């Protein structure tokens, strides 16, 4: 069993997958920082100082023991208040779109760097319908 496990782990695609997951997680953190720390503040300035991360709608009652601000999304969430955090959702969508765009550009660049695959030779063309009908006609005439 250990030999099979070693062979499984030693396969190139398993190692490639592990490296891809690790790099993907690190890349996700970079895109999250880009979104939250660079893009969303600019969008906030353009929209007149709106901070999307604190945009939410309270759906339920705030506990009587809660002493924090009623405009602090993170504190209300930690207190267990049911909310629709649409600002966090907008931030997540922007983060996803940025990550998808960057990955698209990386794949596009990689595809452009790869040598073009030679086109497969076209399959030999078979006889046309007219040729087949002519053969059938000739065979019927003979027989």
N, C-alpha and C. Protein backbone atom coordinates (compact mmCIF):
# COMPACT_ATOMS: atom_id res chain seq x y z
N UNK A 1 0.83 -1.18 0.00
CA UNK A 1 0.00 0.00 0.00
C UNK A 1 0.88 1.25 0.00
N UNK A 2 1.97 1.26 0.74
CA UNK A 2 2.85 2.43 0.78
C UNK A 2 3.45 2.70 -0.60
N UNK A 3 3.78 1.61 -1.33
CA UNK A 3 4.34 1.78 -2.67
C UNK A 3 3.33 2.43 -3.61
N UNK A 4 2.09 2.00 -3.51
CA UNK A 4 1.05 2.59 -4.34
C UNK A 4 0.85 4.07 -3.99
N UNK A 5 0.88 4.37 -2.69
CA UNK A 5 0.73 5.75 -2.25
C UNK A 5 1.89 6.60 -2.77
N UNK A 6 3.11 6.09 -2.67
CA UNK A 6 4.28 6.82 -3.17
C UNK A 6 4.15 7.07 -4.67
N UNK A 7 3.71 6.04 -5.42
CA UNK A 7 3.53 6.21 -6.86
C UNK A 7 2.45 7.25 -7.16
N UNK A 8 1.38 7.25 -6.37
CA UNK A 8 0.30 8.21 -6.56
C UNK A 8 0.81 9.63 -6.34
N UNK A 9 1.52 9.84 -5.24
CA UNK A 9 2.02 11.18 -4.91
C UNK A 9 3.11 11.61 -5.88
N UNK A 10 3.88 10.68 -6.39
CA UNK A 10 4.99 11.02 -7.28
C UNK A 10 4.53 11.36 -8.68
N UNK A 11 3.27 11.09 -9.01
CA UNK A 11 2.78 11.45 -10.33
C UNK A 11 2.87 12.96 -10.50
N UNK A 12 3.22 13.38 -11.68
CA UNK A 12 3.39 14.81 -11.94
C UNK A 12 2.13 15.61 -11.74
N UNK A 13 0.99 15.05 -12.14
CA UNK A 13 -0.23 15.85 -12.05
C UNK A 13 -0.66 16.09 -10.61
N UNK A 14 -0.37 15.18 -9.69
CA UNK A 14 -0.71 15.40 -8.29
C UNK A 14 0.15 16.52 -7.71
N UNK A 15 1.42 16.51 -8.02
CA UNK A 15 2.30 17.57 -7.54
C UNK A 15 1.94 18.91 -8.18
N UNK A 16 1.61 18.88 -9.46
CA UNK A 16 1.19 20.11 -10.14
C UNK A 16 -0.07 20.68 -9.49
N UNK A 17 -1.00 19.79 -9.15
CA UNK A 17 -2.23 20.24 -8.50
C UNK A 17 -1.93 20.86 -7.14
N UNK A 18 -1.06 20.25 -6.37
CA UNK A 18 -0.71 20.79 -5.05
C UNK A 18 -0.07 22.17 -5.19
N UNK A 19 0.84 22.30 -6.12
CA UNK A 19 1.49 23.60 -6.35
C UNK A 19 0.45 24.62 -6.81
N UNK A 20 -0.45 24.20 -7.70
CA UNK A 20 -1.49 25.11 -8.18
C UNK A 20 -2.41 25.59 -7.07
N UNK A 21 -2.77 24.70 -6.15
CA UNK A 21 -3.64 25.09 -5.04
C UNK A 21 -2.93 26.08 -4.13
N UNK A 22 -1.67 25.83 -3.84
CA UNK A 22 -0.91 26.73 -2.95
C UNK A 22 -0.74 28.10 -3.60
N UNK A 23 -0.36 28.10 -4.86
CA UNK A 23 -0.18 29.38 -5.56
C UNK A 23 -1.53 30.08 -5.71
N UNK A 24 -2.58 29.31 -5.98
CA UNK A 24 -3.91 29.90 -6.10
C UNK A 24 -4.37 30.57 -4.82
N UNK A 25 -4.09 29.94 -3.68
CA UNK A 25 -4.48 30.53 -2.39
C UNK A 25 -3.71 31.84 -2.17
N UNK A 26 -2.42 31.84 -2.47
CA UNK A 26 -1.63 33.05 -2.30
C UNK A 26 -2.09 34.13 -3.28
N UNK A 27 -2.41 33.73 -4.50
CA UNK A 27 -2.88 34.67 -5.50
C UNK A 27 -4.22 35.26 -5.08
N UNK A 28 -5.08 34.44 -4.48
CA UNK A 28 -6.36 34.91 -3.98
C UNK A 28 -6.20 36.00 -2.93
N UNK A 29 -5.20 35.85 -2.07
CA UNK A 29 -4.95 36.87 -1.05
C UNK A 29 -4.50 38.18 -1.69
N UNK A 30 -3.69 38.07 -2.74
CA UNK A 30 -3.23 39.27 -3.44
C UNK A 30 -4.42 39.98 -4.09
N UNK A 31 -5.29 39.23 -4.74
CA UNK A 31 -6.45 39.85 -5.39
C UNK A 31 -7.39 40.43 -4.35
N UNK A 32 -7.57 39.75 -3.22
CA UNK A 32 -8.42 40.28 -2.15
C UNK A 32 -7.86 41.61 -1.65
N UNK A 33 -6.56 41.67 -1.43
CA UNK A 33 -5.94 42.91 -0.99
C UNK A 33 -6.08 44.00 -2.05
N UNK A 34 -5.87 43.65 -3.31
CA UNK A 34 -6.04 44.61 -4.39
C UNK A 34 -7.46 45.16 -4.39
N UNK A 35 -8.43 44.28 -4.23
CA UNK A 35 -9.83 44.71 -4.24
C UNK A 35 -10.15 45.58 -3.03
N UNK A 36 -9.84 45.08 -1.83
CA UNK A 36 -10.25 45.77 -0.61
C UNK A 36 -9.40 47.00 -0.31
N UNK A 37 -8.11 46.95 -0.62
CA UNK A 37 -7.21 48.02 -0.22
C UNK A 37 -6.91 49.04 -1.31
N UNK A 38 -7.17 48.69 -2.57
CA UNK A 38 -6.83 49.61 -3.65
C UNK A 38 -8.06 50.04 -4.47
N UNK A 39 -8.85 49.09 -4.89
CA UNK A 39 -9.95 49.41 -5.81
C UNK A 39 -11.17 49.95 -5.08
N UNK A 40 -11.60 49.26 -4.02
CA UNK A 40 -12.80 49.70 -3.31
C UNK A 40 -12.65 51.10 -2.71
N UNK A 41 -11.49 51.49 -2.16
CA UNK A 41 -11.37 52.88 -1.70
C UNK A 41 -11.52 53.89 -2.84
N UNK A 42 -10.99 53.56 -4.01
CA UNK A 42 -11.13 54.46 -5.16
C UNK A 42 -12.60 54.55 -5.56
N UNK A 43 -13.27 53.42 -5.58
CA UNK A 43 -14.71 53.42 -5.90
C UNK A 43 -15.46 54.23 -4.85
N UNK A 44 -15.04 54.10 -3.59
CA UNK A 44 -15.66 54.88 -2.52
C UNK A 44 -15.49 56.37 -2.73
N UNK A 45 -14.31 56.80 -3.17
CA UNK A 45 -14.06 58.23 -3.43
C UNK A 45 -14.91 58.69 -4.61
N UNK A 46 -14.97 57.87 -5.66
CA UNK A 46 -15.75 58.23 -6.85
C UNK A 46 -17.24 58.34 -6.51
N UNK A 47 -17.71 57.48 -5.61
CA UNK A 47 -19.13 57.50 -5.24
C UNK A 47 -19.42 58.41 -4.06
N UNK A 48 -18.47 59.23 -3.68
CA UNK A 48 -18.70 60.20 -2.62
C UNK A 48 -18.43 59.68 -1.22
N UNK A 49 -17.44 58.84 -1.07
CA UNK A 49 -17.04 58.36 0.25
C UNK A 49 -17.79 57.14 0.73
N UNK A 50 -18.48 56.45 -0.15
CA UNK A 50 -19.23 55.25 0.24
C UNK A 50 -18.25 54.12 0.52
N UNK A 51 -18.38 53.50 1.69
CA UNK A 51 -17.56 52.34 2.05
C UNK A 51 -18.44 51.11 1.89
N UNK A 52 -18.20 50.35 0.84
CA UNK A 52 -19.08 49.22 0.54
C UNK A 52 -19.03 48.12 1.59
N UNK A 53 -17.91 47.97 2.28
CA UNK A 53 -17.82 46.88 3.25
C UNK A 53 -18.78 47.07 4.42
N UNK A 54 -19.22 48.29 4.68
CA UNK A 54 -20.16 48.54 5.77
C UNK A 54 -21.58 48.76 5.28
N UNK A 55 -21.90 48.32 4.08
CA UNK A 55 -23.27 48.43 3.57
C UNK A 55 -24.01 47.14 3.87
N UNK A 56 -25.07 47.24 4.66
CA UNK A 56 -25.83 46.06 5.05
C UNK A 56 -27.22 46.47 5.48
N UNK A 57 -28.09 45.47 5.58
CA UNK A 57 -29.45 45.66 6.07
C UNK A 57 -29.64 44.70 7.23
N UNK A 58 -30.04 45.23 8.38
CA UNK A 58 -30.28 44.40 9.57
C UNK A 58 -31.65 43.74 9.40
N UNK A 59 -31.68 42.41 9.55
CA UNK A 59 -32.91 41.66 9.35
C UNK A 59 -33.61 41.30 10.66
N UNK A 60 -32.86 41.27 11.73
CA UNK A 60 -33.44 40.85 13.00
C UNK A 60 -33.09 41.81 14.11
N UNK A 61 -33.49 41.43 15.29
CA UNK A 61 -33.25 42.27 16.47
C UNK A 61 -31.79 42.20 16.89
N UNK A 62 -31.29 43.34 17.37
CA UNK A 62 -29.94 43.41 17.92
C UNK A 62 -30.04 42.98 19.39
N UNK A 63 -29.16 42.07 19.84
CA UNK A 63 -29.24 41.64 21.24
C UNK A 63 -29.12 42.81 22.22
N UNK A 64 -29.83 42.70 23.33
CA UNK A 64 -29.80 43.75 24.35
C UNK A 64 -28.41 43.93 24.94
N UNK A 65 -27.60 42.87 24.89
CA UNK A 65 -26.26 42.92 25.47
C UNK A 65 -25.25 43.58 24.53
N UNK A 66 -25.65 43.86 23.29
CA UNK A 66 -24.73 44.47 22.32
C UNK A 66 -24.50 45.94 22.68
N UNK A 67 -23.21 46.32 22.77
CA UNK A 67 -22.87 47.69 23.15
C UNK A 67 -22.12 48.44 22.07
N UNK A 68 -21.87 47.79 20.94
CA UNK A 68 -21.10 48.44 19.88
C UNK A 68 -21.95 49.34 19.01
N UNK A 69 -21.35 49.81 17.95
CA UNK A 69 -22.01 50.70 17.01
C UNK A 69 -23.00 49.92 16.15
N UNK A 70 -24.12 50.54 15.85
CA UNK A 70 -25.12 49.91 14.99
C UNK A 70 -24.77 50.04 13.51
N UNK A 71 -23.66 50.71 13.21
CA UNK A 71 -23.21 50.83 11.82
C UNK A 71 -21.95 50.02 11.55
N UNK A 72 -21.50 49.22 12.52
CA UNK A 72 -20.29 48.40 12.37
C UNK A 72 -20.69 46.99 11.96
N UNK A 73 -20.54 46.71 10.68
CA UNK A 73 -20.94 45.42 10.11
C UNK A 73 -20.24 44.26 10.80
N UNK A 74 -18.93 44.36 10.96
CA UNK A 74 -18.16 43.25 11.55
C UNK A 74 -18.59 42.98 12.99
N UNK A 75 -18.81 44.04 13.76
CA UNK A 75 -19.20 43.86 15.17
C UNK A 75 -20.61 43.27 15.26
N UNK A 76 -21.53 43.75 14.43
CA UNK A 76 -22.88 43.21 14.44
C UNK A 76 -22.89 41.74 14.00
N UNK A 77 -22.09 41.44 13.01
CA UNK A 77 -21.99 40.05 12.54
C UNK A 77 -21.43 39.16 13.64
N UNK A 78 -20.41 39.63 14.34
CA UNK A 78 -19.82 38.86 15.44
C UNK A 78 -20.82 38.66 16.58
N UNK A 79 -21.74 39.62 16.74
CA UNK A 79 -22.75 39.51 17.79
C UNK A 79 -23.89 38.58 17.38
N UNK A 80 -23.87 38.10 16.14
CA UNK A 80 -24.89 37.17 15.68
C UNK A 80 -26.16 37.81 15.18
N UNK A 81 -26.09 39.07 14.81
CA UNK A 81 -27.27 39.77 14.29
C UNK A 81 -27.50 39.32 12.84
N UNK A 82 -28.72 38.88 12.50
CA UNK A 82 -28.98 38.49 11.10
C UNK A 82 -29.01 39.72 10.20
N UNK A 83 -28.18 39.67 9.14
CA UNK A 83 -28.04 40.83 8.24
C UNK A 83 -27.85 40.36 6.81
N UNK A 84 -28.21 41.24 5.89
CA UNK A 84 -27.84 41.07 4.49
C UNK A 84 -26.65 42.00 4.25
N UNK A 85 -25.48 41.42 4.07
CA UNK A 85 -24.28 42.22 3.85
C UNK A 85 -24.03 42.43 2.38
N UNK A 86 -24.85 43.27 1.74
CA UNK A 86 -24.72 43.45 0.30
C UNK A 86 -23.42 44.16 -0.08
N UNK A 87 -22.86 44.94 0.80
CA UNK A 87 -21.58 45.60 0.50
C UNK A 87 -20.45 44.59 0.40
N UNK A 88 -20.43 43.63 1.34
CA UNK A 88 -19.41 42.57 1.28
C UNK A 88 -19.61 41.72 0.03
N UNK A 89 -20.88 41.53 -0.36
CA UNK A 89 -21.18 40.76 -1.56
C UNK A 89 -20.67 41.47 -2.81
N UNK A 90 -20.88 42.78 -2.88
CA UNK A 90 -20.38 43.56 -4.03
C UNK A 90 -18.85 43.48 -4.08
N UNK A 91 -18.21 43.58 -2.92
CA UNK A 91 -16.76 43.48 -2.86
C UNK A 91 -16.30 42.10 -3.34
N UNK A 92 -17.01 41.05 -2.94
CA UNK A 92 -16.65 39.68 -3.36
C UNK A 92 -16.82 39.51 -4.87
N UNK A 93 -17.86 40.10 -5.43
CA UNK A 93 -18.08 40.01 -6.88
C UNK A 93 -16.96 40.73 -7.63
N UNK A 94 -16.59 41.91 -7.16
CA UNK A 94 -15.50 42.65 -7.81
C UNK A 94 -14.20 41.85 -7.70
N UNK A 95 -13.96 41.27 -6.54
CA UNK A 95 -12.76 40.45 -6.34
C UNK A 95 -12.76 39.26 -7.30
N UNK A 96 -13.90 38.60 -7.43
CA UNK A 96 -14.00 37.47 -8.36
C UNK A 96 -13.74 37.89 -9.79
N UNK A 97 -14.35 39.00 -10.21
CA UNK A 97 -14.17 39.46 -11.58
C UNK A 97 -12.71 39.82 -11.86
N UNK A 98 -12.07 40.46 -10.88
CA UNK A 98 -10.65 40.78 -11.04
C UNK A 98 -9.81 39.52 -11.17
N UNK A 99 -10.07 38.54 -10.29
CA UNK A 99 -9.30 37.30 -10.34
C UNK A 99 -9.54 36.56 -11.65
N UNK A 100 -10.79 36.50 -12.09
CA UNK A 100 -11.10 35.84 -13.35
C UNK A 100 -10.42 36.54 -14.52
N UNK A 101 -10.39 37.87 -14.50
CA UNK A 101 -9.75 38.62 -15.58
C UNK A 101 -8.25 38.37 -15.60
N UNK A 102 -7.63 38.38 -14.42
CA UNK A 102 -6.18 38.15 -14.36
C UNK A 102 -5.85 36.73 -14.80
N UNK A 103 -6.63 35.75 -14.36
CA UNK A 103 -6.38 34.37 -14.78
C UNK A 103 -6.58 34.23 -16.28
N UNK A 104 -7.61 34.90 -16.82
CA UNK A 104 -7.82 34.89 -18.27
C UNK A 104 -6.60 35.43 -19.00
N UNK A 105 -6.04 36.55 -18.50
CA UNK A 105 -4.87 37.14 -19.14
C UNK A 105 -3.66 36.21 -19.06
N UNK A 106 -3.50 35.52 -17.92
CA UNK A 106 -2.39 34.59 -17.77
C UNK A 106 -2.53 33.42 -18.74
N UNK A 107 -3.73 32.84 -18.83
CA UNK A 107 -3.96 31.72 -19.75
C UNK A 107 -3.79 32.17 -21.19
N UNK A 108 -4.28 33.36 -21.48
CA UNK A 108 -4.13 33.89 -22.84
C UNK A 108 -2.66 34.07 -23.21
N UNK A 109 -1.87 34.62 -22.28
CA UNK A 109 -0.44 34.80 -22.54
C UNK A 109 0.26 33.45 -22.69
N UNK A 110 -0.11 32.50 -21.85
CA UNK A 110 0.50 31.17 -21.94
C UNK A 110 0.15 30.50 -23.26
N UNK A 111 -1.09 30.65 -23.70
CA UNK A 111 -1.49 30.07 -24.99
C UNK A 111 -0.75 30.73 -26.14
N UNK A 112 -0.50 32.02 -26.05
CA UNK A 112 0.24 32.70 -27.11
C UNK A 112 1.71 32.30 -27.13
N UNK A 113 2.26 31.91 -25.99
CA UNK A 113 3.66 31.49 -25.93
C UNK A 113 3.85 30.05 -26.41
N UNK A 114 2.82 29.26 -26.35
CA UNK A 114 2.92 27.87 -26.79
C UNK A 114 3.01 27.81 -28.30
N UNK A 115 3.80 26.87 -28.81
CA UNK A 115 3.84 26.74 -30.27
C UNK A 115 2.49 26.27 -30.79
N UNK A 116 2.17 26.75 -31.98
CA UNK A 116 0.89 26.37 -32.57
C UNK A 116 0.88 24.88 -32.87
N UNK A 117 -0.23 24.25 -32.57
CA UNK A 117 -0.36 22.82 -32.85
C UNK A 117 -0.59 22.64 -34.34
N UNK A 118 0.11 21.68 -34.93
CA UNK A 118 -0.12 21.47 -36.36
C UNK A 118 -1.54 20.94 -36.56
N UNK A 119 -2.15 21.43 -37.62
CA UNK A 119 -3.51 21.00 -37.90
C UNK A 119 -3.50 19.55 -38.36
N UNK A 120 -4.47 18.82 -37.90
CA UNK A 120 -4.58 17.42 -38.31
C UNK A 120 -4.93 17.37 -39.79
N UNK A 121 -4.35 16.42 -40.50
CA UNK A 121 -4.69 16.35 -41.92
C UNK A 121 -6.18 16.04 -42.08
N UNK A 122 -6.75 16.64 -43.09
CA UNK A 122 -8.17 16.45 -43.32
C UNK A 122 -8.42 15.00 -43.69
N UNK A 123 -9.51 14.48 -43.21
CA UNK A 123 -9.88 13.10 -43.53
C UNK A 123 -10.15 13.02 -45.03
N UNK A 124 -9.74 11.91 -45.61
CA UNK A 124 -9.97 11.81 -47.06
C UNK A 124 -11.47 11.88 -47.35
N UNK A 125 -11.77 12.68 -48.34
CA UNK A 125 -13.17 12.86 -48.69
C UNK A 125 -13.70 11.59 -49.33
N UNK A 126 -14.85 11.17 -48.90
CA UNK A 126 -15.47 9.98 -49.48
C UNK A 126 -16.19 10.36 -50.76
N UNK A 127 -16.76 9.39 -51.36
CA UNK A 127 -17.49 9.68 -52.60
C UNK A 127 -18.71 10.56 -52.30
N UNK A 128 -19.04 11.41 -53.23
CA UNK A 128 -20.19 12.30 -53.06
C UNK A 128 -21.48 11.51 -53.28
N UNK A 129 -22.60 12.13 -53.00
CA UNK A 129 -23.88 11.47 -53.19
C UNK A 129 -24.09 11.12 -54.66
N UNK A 130 -23.64 12.03 -55.50
CA UNK A 130 -23.79 11.80 -56.94
C UNK A 130 -22.99 10.57 -57.35
N UNK A 131 -21.75 10.45 -56.83
CA UNK A 131 -20.92 9.29 -57.16
C UNK A 131 -21.58 8.00 -56.68
N UNK A 132 -22.11 8.02 -55.47
CA UNK A 132 -22.77 6.82 -54.93
C UNK A 132 -24.01 6.45 -55.75
N UNK A 133 -24.81 7.45 -56.08
CA UNK A 133 -26.00 7.17 -56.89
C UNK A 133 -25.61 6.64 -58.27
N UNK A 134 -24.52 7.16 -58.83
CA UNK A 134 -24.05 6.68 -60.13
C UNK A 134 -23.62 5.22 -60.03
N UNK A 135 -22.91 4.87 -58.95
CA UNK A 135 -22.49 3.48 -58.75
C UNK A 135 -23.70 2.56 -58.60
N UNK A 136 -24.70 3.00 -57.85
CA UNK A 136 -25.90 2.18 -57.66
C UNK A 136 -26.62 1.99 -59.00
N UNK A 137 -26.73 3.08 -59.78
CA UNK A 137 -27.38 2.98 -61.07
C UNK A 137 -26.65 2.01 -61.99
N UNK A 138 -25.30 2.14 -62.01
CA UNK A 138 -24.51 1.25 -62.86
C UNK A 138 -24.63 -0.20 -62.40
N UNK A 139 -24.67 -0.44 -61.08
CA UNK A 139 -24.80 -1.80 -60.58
C UNK A 139 -26.16 -2.38 -60.92
N UNK A 140 -27.21 -1.57 -60.90
CA UNK A 140 -28.54 -2.04 -61.24
C UNK A 140 -28.64 -2.35 -62.73
N UNK A 141 -27.94 -1.56 -63.57
CA UNK A 141 -27.95 -1.81 -65.00
C UNK A 141 -27.30 -3.15 -65.34
N UNK A 142 -26.22 -3.48 -64.61
CA UNK A 142 -25.47 -4.70 -64.87
C UNK A 142 -26.25 -5.92 -64.40
N UNK A 143 -26.93 -5.76 -63.31
CA UNK A 143 -27.47 -6.94 -62.68
C UNK A 143 -28.89 -7.12 -62.84
